[in-house]
Amino acid sequence: MNYIGISNGFHDAGITVLDNIGNILFAGHSERYSKQKHDKELSPLLLTDALSYLTDKEYELHYYERPWLTSLRQLRAGQPVDFRTIKNRIGKKIVNQFNTKKITTHAHHLSHAAAGFQTSPYEKATVVIIDAIGEFDTITIWNAYYDMFGVAQYDKLWSMQYPDSIGLFYSAMTERVGLRPLDEEYILMGMAAYGQPIHLNEIIDNIVDGKDILSFKQNLHLGVDKDFLKDADHMNIASSSQHLVEQMIARVMSKARIIGHSKNLVYGGGVALNCLANRLLGNFYEHIWIMPNPGDCGSSLGAAALGYRKQLNWKNAYLGYNISGPYPVDKLLNELSTNGIAGVANGRAEFGPRALGNRSLLADPRGNTIKDKVNEIKRRQKFRPFAPVILEEFAHQYFTMPTHWDNSRYMQVISTCRNPELFPAIVHHDGTSRVQTVPKDGSGIRELLEKWYVLTGCPMLLNTSLNIRGNPVVNDRIDADRFEILYGVTICS
């Protein structure tokens, strides 16, 4: 028996395939195949690729939320109601390609919880999910554990419901500064370093319910008034919004620590991608796991995990489309040594929004001009920071890691650079970096870093996703060739 998990209909559609012993055979993003950023519909090309990984003709289909509850929430909120059946939501053409008619649905936040817990190394954990919105839930806290038969159990301890939502607040403020909500929240996070939280009290007074910092006076699904903080500097709005979100997340984590039964934290939902706020998690928990794709696309894995029911064999995030061939270490070394910048498109694509060395644009982090060059290539704002990828054993030598974060293998937390003047390309305005640490795992990026260190004495590289702002990450060789032609960067495969 195989298990197929599906996420689609809102944003970031995806598919995951599991086998009958808990191996993740495939997990991919629809946008990488359709070339439409945040594509909410399942791409037929994605489906074809996913089905090629099946190891058994018998399989179950699992869907990441309960559509009838979503429709009920839309009805209560006075929004346009999506009355489509589950098969129509997925698409009849897509459904017809499956050899089973039954589709099992799961609660949205439960799918998030399963994606996190069943890929974690823990036997028990407190699970916290914070996102924009599920069916009704916007925050949930769970006790998760495996019973005597190894079956994952989830006890829901507490929840916050729509329209009160940390995720919707952050999206509303993203839109307020002229960015795309449900897309460019990460840019708002980057802007925060350039501002001061001088509007924090004003935001609280006008938006937050005074009785509870997690409640709001208005439905932020509709955004904030365009004249709110009309003459304020956008950087200060970003800083104030980030500070408030961190206070809210701290309140949730404090509550979870009190009512939960474990010192292990599993954190999921789209808000878990806020790596700046994630530095605070160690104040509440001794061990932290965030699955590399904690948003809605990652819930395809969660839905499949709920079908499988037991702990999954998590190895790494390289689960998507495969560009076969050996990792081009020597070609990359030559290009980096000669031009300082090189792209790589090789092996299985990363499952999650962050490139981890298989679909990456890499550069020497030491030059004063590299950051501007890479931002120009990617058509990004010049203030935007880049991340370092570093040999894990050197991480503490170059960065001050936050409490209870021994590593950051999936770029999930910021760290303070000890010598920012030496590595200007990977240090943000506030002196921090979103570090990716690479263990001795035999990966291509590991071998590249080892040889780069021997060659230069520097154990790290700049690493950013191989895409242009507003476009999905490069998926296949055709994408890589197009990128190379359009943007003048050598792509090694």
Foldseek 3Di string as FASTA:
>chain_A
DKEKFWFAQPWFTKIWIADLVFATQFIDTQCQVVFAHRHRAHDPVRLVQRVVSDPDLDYAAEYQADLVLLQVLCVVVVHDGDPDDPCVSRNVVSCVVRPDDDYHYDHNVLLLQQLFPLADPDQWAWEWEAAQATSWFRIWIWTWHAPPVQFIDTDTDDTDTPLQHLHLLLQLLCVLLPHHGPAVSVVLLQLLLVAALPCQVVCCVQFNDPVDLSHTPDRSNVHDPNCRCVPDDSSNSSNSSVVSSLVVVVVVLVVNLVPYDDLEYGYAEPVLQSQASVLCNLVRHQHYTYNQARYRSSSSVSRSSVVSRHRHDDDFQLRAFADDDDFPLVVVVVCCVVPFKAFEAHGRAGDHQWGQPNQKIKGAQFDPCVQVLVCVLQVHDSLDAFAKEFALVCDVVFWAGRRNDSFQQNLRHKTAGPCCNRGVRAAHSNRIGSYHYDYPPPDSVCVNLVVVCVVPVGSIITIGFCHHPSTGGNGYPVSVVVSCVPRVHHYHD
